C-alpha atoms as a PDB file:
ATOM      1  CA  MET A   1      -0.317  -0.308  -0.414  1.00  0.00           C
ATOM      2  CA  GLU A   2       2.711   2.255   0.841  1.00  0.00           C
ATOM      3  CA  GLN A   3       4.067   1.701  -2.371  1.00  0.00           C
ATOM      4  CA  PHE A   4       1.528   2.506  -3.846  1.00  0.00           C
ATOM      5  CA  LEU A   5       1.324   5.550  -2.988  1.00  0.00           C
ATOM      6  CA  LEU A   6       4.474   6.530  -3.566  1.00  0.00           C
ATOM      7  CA  LEU A   7       3.940   5.897  -7.112  1.00  0.00           C
ATOM      8  CA  ILE A   8       0.699   8.055  -7.086  1.00  0.00           C
ATOM      9  CA  PHE A   9       2.971  10.765  -5.240  1.00  0.00           C
ATOM     10  CA  LEU A  10       5.338  10.287  -7.619  1.00  0.00           C
ATOM     11  CA  ALA A  11       3.526  10.304 -11.038  1.00  0.00           C
ATOM     12  CA  LEU A  12       1.745  13.548  -9.348  1.00  0.00           C
ATOM     13  CA  GLY A  13       5.185  14.960  -8.480  1.00  0.00           C
ATOM     14  CA  GLY A  14       6.593  14.455 -11.821  1.00  0.00           C
ATOM     15  CA  SER A  15       3.069  16.014 -13.775  1.00  0.00           C
ATOM     16  CA  ALA A  16       3.230  18.764 -11.576  1.00  0.00           C
ATOM     17  CA  VAL A  17       7.035  19.394 -12.429  1.00  0.00           C
ATOM     18  CA  ALA A  18       6.249  18.820 -16.459  1.00  0.00           C
ATOM     19  CA  GLY A  19       3.425  21.299 -16.224  1.00  0.00           C
ATOM     20  CA  SER A  20       5.185  23.930 -14.228  1.00  0.00           C
ATOM     21  CA  VAL A  21       8.125  23.963 -17.317  1.00  0.00           C
ATOM     22  CA  LYS A  22       6.652  26.402 -20.275  1.00  0.00           C
ATOM     23  CA  VAL A  23       8.966  26.893 -23.684  1.00  0.00           C
ATOM     24  CA  ILE A  24       7.888  29.652 -25.553  1.00  0.00           C
ATOM     25  CA  ASN A  25       9.518  30.067 -29.205  1.00  0.00           C
ATOM     26  CA  GLN A  26      11.438  33.302 -30.612  1.00  0.00           C
ATOM     27  CA  GLY A  27       8.741  35.839 -31.862  1.00  0.00           C
ATOM     28  CA  ASN A  28       5.931  34.655 -29.527  1.00  0.00           C
ATOM     29  CA  GLU A  29       4.867  35.869 -26.046  1.00  0.00           C
ATOM     30  CA  ALA A  30       2.023  34.449 -23.558  1.00  0.00           C
ATOM     31  CA  LEU A  31      -0.031  35.839 -20.854  1.00  0.00           C
ATOM     32  CA  VAL A  32      -0.460  33.816 -17.638  1.00  0.00           C
ATOM     33  CA  GLU A  33      -3.334  33.762 -15.251  1.00  0.00           C
ATOM     34  CA  ARG A  34      -3.294  32.313 -11.557  1.00  0.00           C
ATOM     35  CA  LEU A  35      -6.548  31.772 -10.128  1.00  0.00           C
ATOM     36  CA  GLY A  36      -8.428  33.519 -12.866  1.00  0.00           C
ATOM     37  CA  SER A  37      -6.780  36.660 -13.084  1.00  0.00           C
ATOM     38  CA  TYR A  38      -3.485  38.146 -14.709  1.00  0.00           C
ATOM     39  CA  ASN A  39      -0.400  37.284 -13.384  1.00  0.00           C
ATOM     40  CA  LYS A  40       2.553  37.536 -15.648  1.00  0.00           C
ATOM     41  CA  LYS A  41       3.796  37.610 -19.635  1.00  0.00           C
ATOM     42  CA  LEU A  42       6.117  34.866 -20.520  1.00  0.00           C
ATOM     43  CA  GLU A  43       8.897  35.819 -22.768  1.00  0.00           C
ATOM     44  CA  PRO A  44      10.701  33.883 -25.586  1.00  0.00           C
ATOM     45  CA  GLY A  45      12.540  30.787 -23.752  1.00  0.00           C
ATOM     46  CA  LEU A  46      12.222  28.366 -20.729  1.00  0.00           C
ATOM     47  CA  ASN A  47       9.735  29.871 -18.226  1.00  0.00           C
ATOM     48  CA  PHE A  48       8.434  28.331 -15.092  1.00  0.00           C
ATOM     49  CA  VAL A  49       5.095  28.379 -13.813  1.00  0.00           C
ATOM     50  CA  VAL A  50       2.309  27.018 -10.720  1.00  0.00           C
ATOM     51  CA  PRO A  51       1.256  24.114 -11.440  1.00  0.00           C
ATOM     52  CA  PHE A  52      -2.785  23.681 -10.807  1.00  0.00           C
ATOM     53  CA  LEU A  53      -2.631  27.792  -9.874  1.00  0.00           C
ATOM     54  CA  ASP A  54      -1.303  29.448 -13.347  1.00  0.00           C
ATOM     55  CA  LYS A  55      -2.809  28.613 -16.623  1.00  0.00           C
ATOM     56  CA  ILE A  56      -1.693  30.295 -19.844  1.00  0.00           C
ATOM     57  CA  VAL A  57      -4.569  32.044 -21.504  1.00  0.00           C
ATOM     58  CA  TYR A  58      -3.426  33.728 -24.369  1.00  0.00           C
ATOM     59  CA  GLN A  59       0.070  33.317 -26.614  1.00  0.00           C
ATOM     60  CA  GLN A  60       0.419  35.041 -29.503  1.00  0.00           C
ATOM     61  CA  THR A  61       3.044  36.424 -31.985  1.00  0.00           C
ATOM     62  CA  ILE A  62       4.237  39.530 -31.984  1.00  0.00           C
ATOM     63  CA  ARG A  63       5.929  39.584 -35.597  1.00  0.00           C
ATOM     64  CA  GLU A  64       4.232  41.563 -38.095  1.00  0.00           C
ATOM     65  CA  LYS A  65       0.668  39.966 -39.897  1.00  0.00           C
ATOM     66  CA  VAL A  66      -1.047  40.728 -42.745  1.00  0.00           C
ATOM     67  CA  LEU A  67      -5.001  41.253 -42.274  1.00  0.00           C
ATOM     68  CA  ASP A  68      -6.790  40.738 -46.023  1.00  0.00           C
ATOM     69  CA  ILE A  69      -9.806  42.612 -46.200  1.00  0.00           C
ATOM     70  CA  PRO A  70     -12.585  41.241 -48.929  1.00  0.00           C
ATOM     71  CA  PRO A  71     -14.081  43.483 -51.258  1.00  0.00           C
ATOM     72  CA  GLN A  72     -16.530  45.464 -50.096  1.00  0.00           C
ATOM     73  CA  LYS A  73     -19.192  48.069 -52.088  1.00  0.00           C
ATOM     74  CA  CYS A  74     -18.604  51.300 -51.007  1.00  0.00           C
ATOM     75  CA  ILE A  75     -20.870  54.760 -52.273  1.00  0.00           C
ATOM     76  CA  THR A  76     -18.889  58.025 -53.271  1.00  0.00           C
ATOM     77  CA  ARG A  77     -19.821  61.580 -52.841  1.00  0.00           C
ATOM     78  CA  ASP A  78     -20.936  61.481 -56.050  1.00  0.00           C
ATOM     79  CA  ASN A  79     -23.607  58.647 -55.201  1.00  0.00           C
ATOM     80  CA  VAL A  80     -21.506  56.007 -57.670  1.00  0.00           C
ATOM     81  CA  GLY A  81     -20.922  52.758 -56.574  1.00  0.00           C
ATOM     82  CA  ILE A  82     -17.505  50.808 -56.213  1.00  0.00           C
ATOM     83  CA  GLU A  83     -16.194  47.679 -54.636  1.00  0.00           C
ATOM     84  CA  VAL A  84     -12.962  48.456 -52.663  1.00  0.00           C
ATOM     85  CA  ASP A  85     -10.731  45.763 -51.266  1.00  0.00           C
ATOM     86  CA  ALA A  86      -7.008  46.159 -49.100  1.00  0.00           C
ATOM     87  CA  VAL A  87      -4.364  45.223 -47.238  1.00  0.00           C
ATOM     88  CA  VAL A  88      -3.497  45.798 -43.954  1.00  0.00           C
ATOM     89  CA  TYR A  89       0.171  45.256 -42.166  1.00  0.00           C
ATOM     90  CA  TRP A  90       0.032  44.933 -38.721  1.00  0.00           C
ATOM     91  CA  ARG A  91       1.459  43.919 -34.972  1.00  0.00           C
ATOM     92  CA  ILE A  92       1.066  43.056 -31.157  1.00  0.00           C
ATOM     93  CA  VAL A  93       2.968  45.841 -29.310  1.00  0.00           C
ATOM     94  CA  ASP A  94       1.202  45.551 -25.773  1.00  0.00           C
ATOM     95  CA  MET A  95      -0.199  41.241 -25.214  1.00  0.00           C
ATOM     96  CA  GLU A  96      -2.093  42.290 -21.905  1.00  0.00           C
ATOM     97  CA  LYS A  97      -4.151  45.153 -24.141  1.00  0.00           C
ATOM     98  CA  ALA A  98      -4.249  42.767 -27.161  1.00  0.00           C
ATOM     99  CA  TRP A  99      -5.611  40.194 -25.035  1.00  0.00           C
ATOM    100  CA  TYR A 100      -7.652  42.194 -22.338  1.00  0.00           C
ATOM    101  CA  LYS A 101      -9.088  45.345 -24.126  1.00  0.00           C
ATOM    102  CA  VAL A 102     -11.054  43.586 -26.983  1.00  0.00           C
ATOM    103  CA  GLU A 103     -12.692  40.034 -28.091  1.00  0.00           C
ATOM    104  CA  ASN A 104     -11.487  38.864 -30.571  1.00  0.00           C
ATOM    105  CA  LEU A 105      -8.441  41.279 -32.074  1.00  0.00           C
ATOM    106  CA  GLN A 106      -8.918  39.911 -35.771  1.00  0.00           C
ATOM    107  CA  SER A 107     -12.575  40.411 -36.252  1.00  0.00           C
ATOM    108  CA  ALA A 108     -12.227  43.665 -34.262  1.00  0.00           C
ATOM    109  CA  MET A 109      -9.683  44.857 -36.658  1.00  0.00           C
ATOM    110  CA  THR A 110     -11.451  43.601 -40.090  1.00  0.00           C
ATOM    111  CA  ASN A 111     -14.738  45.661 -38.828  1.00  0.00           C
ATOM    112  CA  LEU A 112     -12.959  48.544 -37.988  1.00  0.00           C
ATOM    113  CA  VAL A 113     -10.874  48.693 -41.497  1.00  0.00           C
ATOM    114  CA  LEU A 114     -14.095  48.210 -43.129  1.00  0.00           C
ATOM    115  CA  THR A 115     -15.938  51.160 -41.482  1.00  0.00           C
ATOM    116  CA  GLN A 116     -12.589  53.478 -42.249  1.00  0.00           C
ATOM    117  CA  ILE A 117     -12.676  52.555 -45.865  1.00  0.00           C
ATOM    118  CA  ARG A 118     -16.268  53.393 -46.243  1.00  0.00           C
ATOM    119  CA  SER A 119     -16.231  56.714 -44.480  1.00  0.00           C
ATOM    120  CA  GLU A 120     -13.293  57.558 -46.946  1.00  0.00           C
ATOM    121  CA  MET A 121     -14.905  56.605 -49.523  1.00  0.00           C
ATOM    122  CA  GLY A 122     -17.910  58.373 -49.307  1.00  0.00           C
ATOM    123  CA  GLN A 123     -16.126  61.958 -48.990  1.00  0.00           C
ATOM    124  CA  LEU A 124     -14.433  61.476 -52.418  1.00  0.00           C
ATOM    125  CA  GLU A 125     -16.113  61.692 -56.025  1.00  0.00           C
ATOM    126  CA  LEU A 126     -15.099  58.973 -58.405  1.00  0.00           C
ATOM    127  CA  ASP A 127     -12.402  60.181 -60.383  1.00  0.00           C
ATOM    128  CA  GLU A 128     -10.849  61.204 -56.876  1.00  0.00           C
ATOM    129  CA  THR A 129     -10.520  57.499 -55.858  1.00  0.00           C
ATOM    130  CA  PHE A 130      -8.299  56.830 -58.243  1.00  0.00           C
ATOM    131  CA  THR A 131      -6.079  59.715 -58.506  1.00  0.00           C
ATOM    132  CA  ALA A 132      -6.016  59.931 -54.615  1.00  0.00           C
ATOM    133  CA  ARG A 133      -5.285  56.750 -53.770  1.00  0.00           C
ATOM    134  CA  SER A 134      -1.947  57.215 -51.910  1.00  0.00           C
ATOM    135  CA  GLN A 135      -3.102  59.945 -50.262  1.00  0.00           C
ATOM    136  CA  ILE A 136      -6.416  57.642 -49.020  1.00  0.00           C
ATOM    137  CA  ASN A 137      -3.683  55.222 -47.926  1.00  0.00           C
ATOM    138  CA  GLU A 138      -2.263  57.531 -45.906  1.00  0.00           C
ATOM    139  CA  ILE A 139      -5.214  58.982 -43.855  1.00  0.00           C
ATOM    140  CA  LEU A 140      -6.591  55.168 -43.425  1.00  0.00           C
ATOM    141  CA  LEU A 141      -2.749  54.605 -41.430  1.00  0.00           C
ATOM    142  CA  ARG A 142      -3.106  57.106 -39.750  1.00  0.00           C
ATOM    143  CA  ASP A 143      -7.037  56.998 -38.381  1.00  0.00           C
ATOM    144  CA  LEU A 144      -6.619  52.885 -37.578  1.00  0.00           C
ATOM    145  CA  ASP A 145      -3.238  53.208 -35.943  1.00  0.00           C
ATOM    146  CA  ILE A 146      -5.018  55.864 -33.482  1.00  0.00           C
ATOM    147  CA  ALA A 147      -7.915  53.656 -33.220  1.00  0.00           C
ATOM    148  CA  THR A 148      -5.979  50.809 -32.233  1.00  0.00           C
ATOM    149  CA  ASP A 149      -3.746  51.599 -29.920  1.00  0.00           C
ATOM    150  CA  PRO A 150      -5.579  51.168 -27.322  1.00  0.00           C
ATOM    151  CA  TRP A 151      -5.756  47.457 -28.105  1.00  0.00           C
ATOM    152  CA  GLY A 152      -2.001  47.000 -27.842  1.00  0.00           C
ATOM    153  CA  VAL A 153      -1.543  47.091 -31.638  1.00  0.00           C
ATOM    154  CA  LYS A 154       0.345  48.852 -34.290  1.00  0.00           C
ATOM    155  CA  VAL A 155      -0.879  49.453 -37.626  1.00  0.00           C
ATOM    156  CA  THR A 156       2.695  49.894 -40.055  1.00  0.00           C
ATOM    157  CA  ARG A 157       0.782  50.036 -43.321  1.00  0.00           C
ATOM    158  CA  VAL A 158      -2.182  50.329 -45.506  1.00  0.00           C
ATOM    159  CA  GLU A 159      -2.814  49.260 -49.018  1.00  0.00           C
ATOM    160  CA  LEU A 160      -6.007  49.888 -51.459  1.00  0.00           C
ATOM    161  CA  ARG A 161      -5.754  47.012 -53.773  1.00  0.00           C
ATOM    162  CA  ASP A 162      -8.510  47.429 -56.220  1.00  0.00           C
ATOM    163  CA  ILE A 163     -11.364  50.238 -56.538  1.00  0.00           C
ATOM    164  CA  ILE A 164     -13.599  48.855 -58.890  1.00  0.00           C
ATOM    165  CA  PRO A 165     -16.881  50.576 -60.391  1.00  0.00           C
ATOM    166  CA  SER A 166     -20.333  48.808 -61.215  1.00  0.00           C
ATOM    167  CA  GLN A 167     -20.706  47.717 -64.755  1.00  0.00           C
ATOM    168  CA  ALA A 168     -22.608  51.036 -65.717  1.00  0.00           C
ATOM    169  CA  VAL A 169     -20.159  52.832 -64.602  1.00  0.00           C
ATOM    170  CA  ARG A 170     -17.166  51.008 -66.419  1.00  0.00           C
ATOM    171  CA  GLU A 171     -19.092  51.421 -69.710  1.00  0.00           C
ATOM    172  CA  SER A 172     -19.833  55.295 -69.001  1.00  0.00           C
ATOM    173  CA  MET A 173     -15.872  55.939 -68.502  1.00  0.00           C
ATOM    174  CA  GLU A 174     -15.132  53.977 -71.112  1.00  0.00           C
ATOM    175  CA  LEU A 175     -17.163  55.926 -73.153  1.00  0.00           C
ATOM    176  CA  GLN A 176     -16.262  59.060 -72.084  1.00  0.00           C
ATOM    177  CA  MET A 177     -12.798  57.937 -72.484  1.00  0.00           C
ATOM    178  CA  SER A 178     -12.747  57.046 -75.974  1.00  0.00           C
ATOM    179  CA  ALA A 179     -14.367  60.720 -76.443  1.00  0.00           C
ATOM    180  CA  GLU A 180     -11.331  62.229 -74.353  1.00  0.00           C
ATOM    181  CA  ARG A 181      -8.901  60.347 -76.724  1.00  0.00           C
ATOM    182  CA  ARG A 182     -10.987  61.046 -79.957  1.00  0.00           C
ATOM    183  CA  ARG A 183     -10.789  64.802 -78.611  1.00  0.00           C
ATOM    184  CA  ARG A 184      -7.339  64.782 -77.556  1.00  0.00           C
ATOM    185  CA  ALA A 185      -6.382  63.044 -81.278  1.00  0.00           C
ATOM    186  CA  ALA A 186      -8.409  65.923 -83.097  1.00  0.00           C
ATOM    187  CA  ILE A 187      -6.640  68.737 -80.850  1.00  0.00           C
ATOM    188  CA  LEU A 188      -3.581  67.411 -81.469  1.00  0.00           C
ATOM    189  CA  ASN A 189      -4.441  66.854 -85.366  1.00  0.00           C
ATOM    190  CA  SER A 190      -5.285  70.022 -85.563  1.00  0.00           C
ATOM    191  CA  GLU A 191      -2.356  71.643 -83.801  1.00  0.00           C
ATOM    192  CA  GLY A 192      -0.340  69.328 -86.521  1.00  0.00           C
ATOM    193  CA  GLU A 193      -1.825  71.009 -89.540  1.00  0.00           C
ATOM    194  CA  ARG A 194      -1.241  75.000 -87.556  1.00  0.00           C
ATOM    195  CA  GLU A 195       2.708  74.065 -87.535  1.00  0.00           C
ATOM    196  CA  ALA A 196       2.820  72.396 -90.762  1.00  0.00           C
ATOM    197  CA  ALA A 197       0.906  75.423 -91.917  1.00  0.00           C
ATOM    198  CA  VAL A 198       2.957  78.143 -90.003  1.00  0.00           C
ATOM    199  CA  ASN A 199       6.242  76.043 -91.106  1.00  0.00           C
ATOM    200  CA  SER A 200       5.498  75.983 -94.959  1.00  0.00           C
ATOM    201  CA  ALA A 201       4.924  79.555 -94.257  1.00  0.00           C
ATOM    202  CA  ARG A 202       8.083  80.683 -92.735  1.00  0.00           C
ATOM    203  CA  GLY A 203       9.666  78.523 -95.455  1.00  0.00           C
ATOM    204  CA  LYS A 204       7.799  80.474 -98.178  1.00  0.00           C
ATOM    205  CA  ALA A 205       8.918  83.967 -96.710  1.00  0.00           C
ATOM    206  CA  GLU A 206      12.439  83.341 -95.974  1.00  0.00           C
ATOM    207  CA  ALA A 207      12.890  81.676 -99.436  1.00  0.00           C
ATOM    208  CA  GLN A 208      11.214  84.911-100.754  1.00  0.00           C
ATOM    209  CA  ILE A 209      13.708  87.041 -98.359  1.00  0.00           C
ATOM    210  CA  LEU A 210      16.928  85.019-100.017  1.00  0.00           C
ATOM    211  CA  ASP A 211      15.342  84.824-103.191  1.00  0.00           C
ATOM    212  CA  ALA A 212      15.203  88.882-103.116  1.00  0.00           C
ATOM    213  CA  GLU A 213      18.907  89.506-101.505  1.00  0.00           C
ATOM    214  CA  ALA A 214      20.215  86.917-104.540  1.00  0.00           C
ATOM    215  CA  ARG A 215      18.371  89.446-106.843  1.00  0.00           C
ATOM    216  CA  GLN A 216      20.280  92.349-105.549  1.00  0.00           C
ATOM    217  CA  LYS A 217      23.028  90.804-105.010  1.00  0.00           C
ATOM    218  CA  SER A 218      23.480  89.755-108.765  1.00  0.00           C
ATOM    219  CA  LEU A 219      22.256  93.200-109.461  1.00  0.00           C
ATOM    220  CA  VAL A 220      25.062  94.558-107.462  1.00  0.00           C
ATOM    221  CA  LEU A 221      27.362  92.143-108.856  1.00  0.00           C
ATOM    222  CA  GLN A 222      25.944  93.445-112.512  1.00  0.00           C
ATOM    223  CA  ALA A 223      26.285  97.049-112.279  1.00  0.00           C
ATOM    224  CA  GLU A 224      29.527  96.280-110.324  1.00  0.00           C
ATOM    225  CA  ALA A 225      30.860  94.605-113.788  1.00  0.00           C
ATOM    226  CA  GLU A 226      29.395  96.692-116.162  1.00  0.00           C
ATOM    227  CA  GLN A 227      31.024  99.773-114.090  1.00  0.00           C
ATOM    228  CA  LYS A 228      34.495  97.667-114.670  1.00  0.00           C
ATOM    229  CA  ALA A 229      33.856  97.318-118.238  1.00  0.00           C
ATOM    230  CA  ILE A 230      33.168 100.896-118.979  1.00  0.00           C
ATOM    231  CA  VAL A 231      36.068 101.951-117.333  1.00  0.00           C
ATOM    232  CA  LEU A 232      38.453  99.389-118.836  1.00  0.00           C
ATOM    233  CA  LYS A 233      36.798 100.445-121.962  1.00  0.00           C
ATOM    234  CA  ALA A 234      37.568 103.853-121.584  1.00  0.00           C
ATOM    235  CA  GLN A 235      41.020 103.139-120.835  1.00  0.00           C
ATOM    236  CA  ALA A 236      41.389 101.223-123.995  1.00  0.00           C
ATOM    237  CA  GLU A 237      39.829 103.795-125.968  1.00  0.00           C
ATOM    238  CA  ARG A 238      41.795 106.490-124.332  1.00  0.00           C
ATOM    239  CA  GLN A 239      45.142 104.028-124.854  1.00  0.00           C
ATOM    240  CA  GLN A 240      44.031 103.774-128.366  1.00  0.00           C
ATOM    241  CA  GLN A 241      43.952 107.278-129.243  1.00  0.00           C
ATOM    242  CA  VAL A 242      47.230 108.269-127.624  1.00  0.00           C
ATOM    243  CA  LEU A 243      48.530 105.356-129.402  1.00  0.00           C
ATOM    244  CA  LYS A 244      47.202 106.933-132.336  1.00  0.00           C
ATOM    245  CA  ALA A 245      48.080 110.323-132.056  1.00  0.00           C
ATOM    246  CA  GLN A 246      51.977 109.005-131.319  1.00  0.00           C
ATOM    247  CA  ALA A 247      51.329 107.086-134.672  1.00  0.00           C
ATOM    248  CA  ILE A 248      50.317 110.318-136.539  1.00  0.00           C
ATOM    249  CA  ALA A 249      53.156 111.961-134.950  1.00  0.00           C
ATOM    250  CA  GLU A 250      55.393 109.510-135.783  1.00  0.00           C
ATOM    251  CA  SER A 251      54.227 109.311-139.389  1.00  0.00           C
ATOM    252  CA  ALA A 252      54.322 112.482-139.686  1.00  0.00           C
ATOM    253  CA  GLU A 253      57.656 113.120-138.116  1.00  0.00           C
ATOM    254  CA  ILE A 254      59.022 110.646-141.074  1.00  0.00           C
ATOM    255  CA  ILE A 255      57.191 112.401-143.643  1.00  0.00           C
ATOM    256  CA  ALA A 256      58.541 115.670-142.550  1.00  0.00           C
ATOM    257  CA  GLN A 257      62.197 114.521-142.469  1.00  0.00           C
ATOM    258  CA  LYS A 258      61.714 113.053-146.114  1.00  0.00           C
ATOM    259  CA  ILE A 259      60.248 116.146-147.595  1.00  0.00           C
ATOM    260  CA  ASN A 260      63.245 118.061-146.269  1.00  0.00           C
ATOM    261  CA  SER A 261      65.535 115.619-147.685  1.00  0.00           C
ATOM    262  CA  GLN A 262      64.263 114.726-150.784  1.00  0.00           C
ATOM    263  CA  PRO A 263      61.989 117.305-152.342  1.00  0.00           C
ATOM    264  CA  SER A 264      60.345 115.391-155.234  1.00  0.00           C
ATOM    265  CA  ALA A 265      58.887 113.332-152.518  1.00  0.00           C
ATOM    266  CA  SER A 266      55.916 115.637-151.726  1.00  0.00           C
ATOM    267  CA  LYS A 267      54.130 114.704-155.574  1.00  0.00           C
ATOM    268  CA  ALA A 268      53.985 111.278-153.971  1.00  0.00           C
ATOM    269  CA  LEU A 269      52.463 112.838-150.706  1.00  0.00           C
ATOM    270  CA  GLU A 270      49.848 114.435-152.509  1.00  0.00           C
ATOM    271  CA  VAL A 271      49.254 111.087-153.978  1.00  0.00           C
ATOM    272  CA  LEU A 272      48.786 109.745-150.535  1.00  0.00           C
ATOM    273  CA  PHE A 273      46.471 112.269-149.040  1.00  0.00           C
ATOM    274  CA  ALA A 274      44.314 111.717-152.219  1.00  0.00           C
ATOM    275  CA  LEU A 275      44.191 107.836-151.831  1.00  0.00           C
ATOM    276  CA  GLY A 276      43.366 108.462-148.231  1.00  0.00           C
ATOM    277  CA  TYR A 277      40.358 111.305-149.010  1.00  0.00           C
ATOM    278  CA  LEU A 278      39.457 108.229-151.868  1.00  0.00           C
ATOM    279  CA  ASP A 279      39.843 105.617-148.623  1.00  0.00           C
ATOM    280  CA  MET A 280      37.724 107.975-146.243  1.00  0.00           C
ATOM    281  CA  GLY A 281      34.598 108.427-148.748  1.00  0.00           C
ATOM    282  CA  ALA A 282      34.391 103.894-149.138  1.00  0.00           C
ATOM    283  CA  THR A 283      34.581 104.081-145.070  1.00  0.00           C
ATOM    284  CA  ILE A 284      31.523 106.481-145.298  1.00  0.00           C
ATOM    285  CA  GLY A 285      29.599 104.362-147.886  1.00  0.00           C
ATOM    286  CA  LYS A 286      30.292 101.378-146.092  1.00  0.00           C
ATOM    287  CA  SER A 287      28.528 102.411-142.756  1.00  0.00           C
ATOM    288  CA  ASP A 288      25.143 101.690-142.119  1.00  0.00           C
ATOM    289  CA  SER A 289      23.907 105.283-141.325  1.00  0.00           C
ATOM    290  CA  SER A 290      25.038 106.361-144.789  1.00  0.00           C
ATOM    291  CA  LYS A 291      24.782 103.673-148.220  1.00  0.00           C
ATOM    292  CA  VAL A 292      25.453 106.664-151.026  1.00  0.00           C
ATOM    293  CA  MET A 293      27.978 108.984-151.360  1.00  0.00           C
ATOM    294  CA  PHE A 294      28.080 111.858-154.051  1.00  0.00           C
ATOM    295  CA  ILE A 295      31.037 113.194-155.447  1.00  0.00           C
ATOM    296  CA  ASP A 296      31.373 116.361-157.657  1.00  0.00           C
ATOM    297  CA  PRO A 297      34.270 115.334-160.436  1.00  0.00           C
ATOM    298  CA  ARG A 298      34.512 119.712-160.565  1.00  0.00           C
ATOM    299  CA  THR A 299      35.933 119.368-157.161  1.00  0.00           C
ATOM    300  CA  ILE A 300      38.686 116.655-157.252  1.00  0.00           C
ATOM    301  CA  PRO A 301      41.172 119.577-158.610  1.00  0.00           C
ATOM    302  CA  ALA A 302      40.439 121.885-155.904  1.00  0.00           C
ATOM    303  CA  THR A 303      40.761 118.955-153.754  1.00  0.00           C
ATOM    304  CA  PHE A 304      43.825 118.231-154.812  1.00  0.00           C
ATOM    305  CA  GLU A 305      45.234 121.589-154.983  1.00  0.00           C
ATOM    306  CA  GLY A 306      43.878 122.043-151.154  1.00  0.00           C
ATOM    307  CA  ILE A 307      45.979 118.645-150.496  1.00  0.00           C
ATOM    308  CA  ARG A 308      48.818 120.365-152.527  1.00  0.00           C
ATOM    309  CA  SER A 309      48.679 123.403-150.196  1.00  0.00           C
ATOM    310  CA  ILE A 310      48.577 121.383-146.904  1.00  0.00           C
ATOM    311  CA  VAL A 311      52.151 119.499-148.367  1.00  0.00           C
ATOM    312  CA  SER A 312      53.173 122.935-149.340  1.00  0.00           C
ATOM    313  CA  ASP A 313      52.479 124.377-145.445  1.00  0.00           C
ATOM    314  CA  THR A 314      54.152 120.942-143.898  1.00  0.00           C
ATOM    315  CA  LYS A 315      57.365 121.432-145.872  1.00  0.00           C
ATOM    316  CA  VAL A 316      57.245 125.014-143.493  1.00  0.00           C
ATOM    317  CA  ASP A 317      56.149 123.619-140.005  1.00  0.00           C
ATOM    318  CA  SER A 318      58.149 120.251-140.111  1.00  0.00           C
ATOM    319  CA  ASN A 319      60.192 122.219-137.969  1.00  0.00           C
ATOM    320  CA  ALA A 320      57.629 122.248-135.549  1.00  0.00           C
ATOM    321  CA  TRP A 321      56.295 118.938-135.729  1.00  0.00           C
ATOM    322  CA  LEU A 322      60.187 117.388-134.922  1.00  0.00           C
ATOM    323  CA  GLY A 323      60.020 119.733-131.564  1.00  0.00           C
ATOM    324  CA  ARG A 324      56.587 118.789-129.905  1.00  0.00           C
ATOM    325  CA  GLU A 325      56.669 116.240-127.220  1.00  0.00           C
ATOM    326  CA  ILE A 326      55.052 113.038-128.380  1.00  0.00           C
ATOM    327  CA  PRO A 327      52.730 112.079-125.179  1.00  0.00           C
ATOM    328  CA  ASP A 328      53.103 108.283-124.340  1.00  0.00           C
ATOM    329  CA  VAL A 329      50.991 105.332-124.167  1.00  0.00           C
ATOM    330  CA  ASN A 330      49.749 106.562-120.345  1.00  0.00           C
ATOM    331  CA  GLY A 331      48.755 109.656-121.597  1.00  0.00           C
ATOM    332  CA  GLN A 332      51.797 112.096-119.973  1.00  0.00           C
END
């Protein structure tokens, strides 16, 4: 009998010792109640409790968790029905508050998030819900963090995933977007045509300016060329006249020398003057302004007499011709 009691005592003692040792994994915490009231919190690692008196009532992770919010219907400020779903990242920072301040923490979190989403969507119009998503996320994060602080919960991030309007609204939006695209295409087309017209007009104006400048330069160059040609022609005529005068002077000098040295050369001079007179008539007859030249035969002897007198005067003035300075080619 004593042995049986000893075995019972050992069994009870062994079970009590085994029940007093509690191992908490890393990242978790546990709450212990003694006789129905909160006693202490167990940290990760090896912990001891009093058998039959202490009881672990709540054990949960303190790592960050994800709360998936299912799609829900919301009404915007302009009375458009949409469906919105979200995801919330949160973690427990105070295990005692998370157990004793709220019953069913995750359900309370879900309902709170749904309420906040409906409230924020009701303050925006449909177009704003698509463009102000980041601002909505920040507002939800701030409000949820404040609301869950008494529960010992820290909300770290809130993200709206999908904002889906109703089928009728989507069709209306597609029509609106199609009209907007056509309007933008028409505007871009008109702007392109306007720019093309402006560029064409600008190109024509520049071409006309360049053409006018080219004509002006051409006229200037032509005038300069004509001026140079006139100057060169005048210089050539002057040189020709100078050369002619020199030739006449030299020929007169030679004739005068011949007349002085040979008195009989005056007869030959008379013949040369007569031939020159006849050649002059032939030249005048070849010109465009005079086709016919009338010569009275009775005037020919008188002409020869005049030539003879010129030759006689030439004998007297030969010394004067020899004493004159003959101009050079440059007109000096």
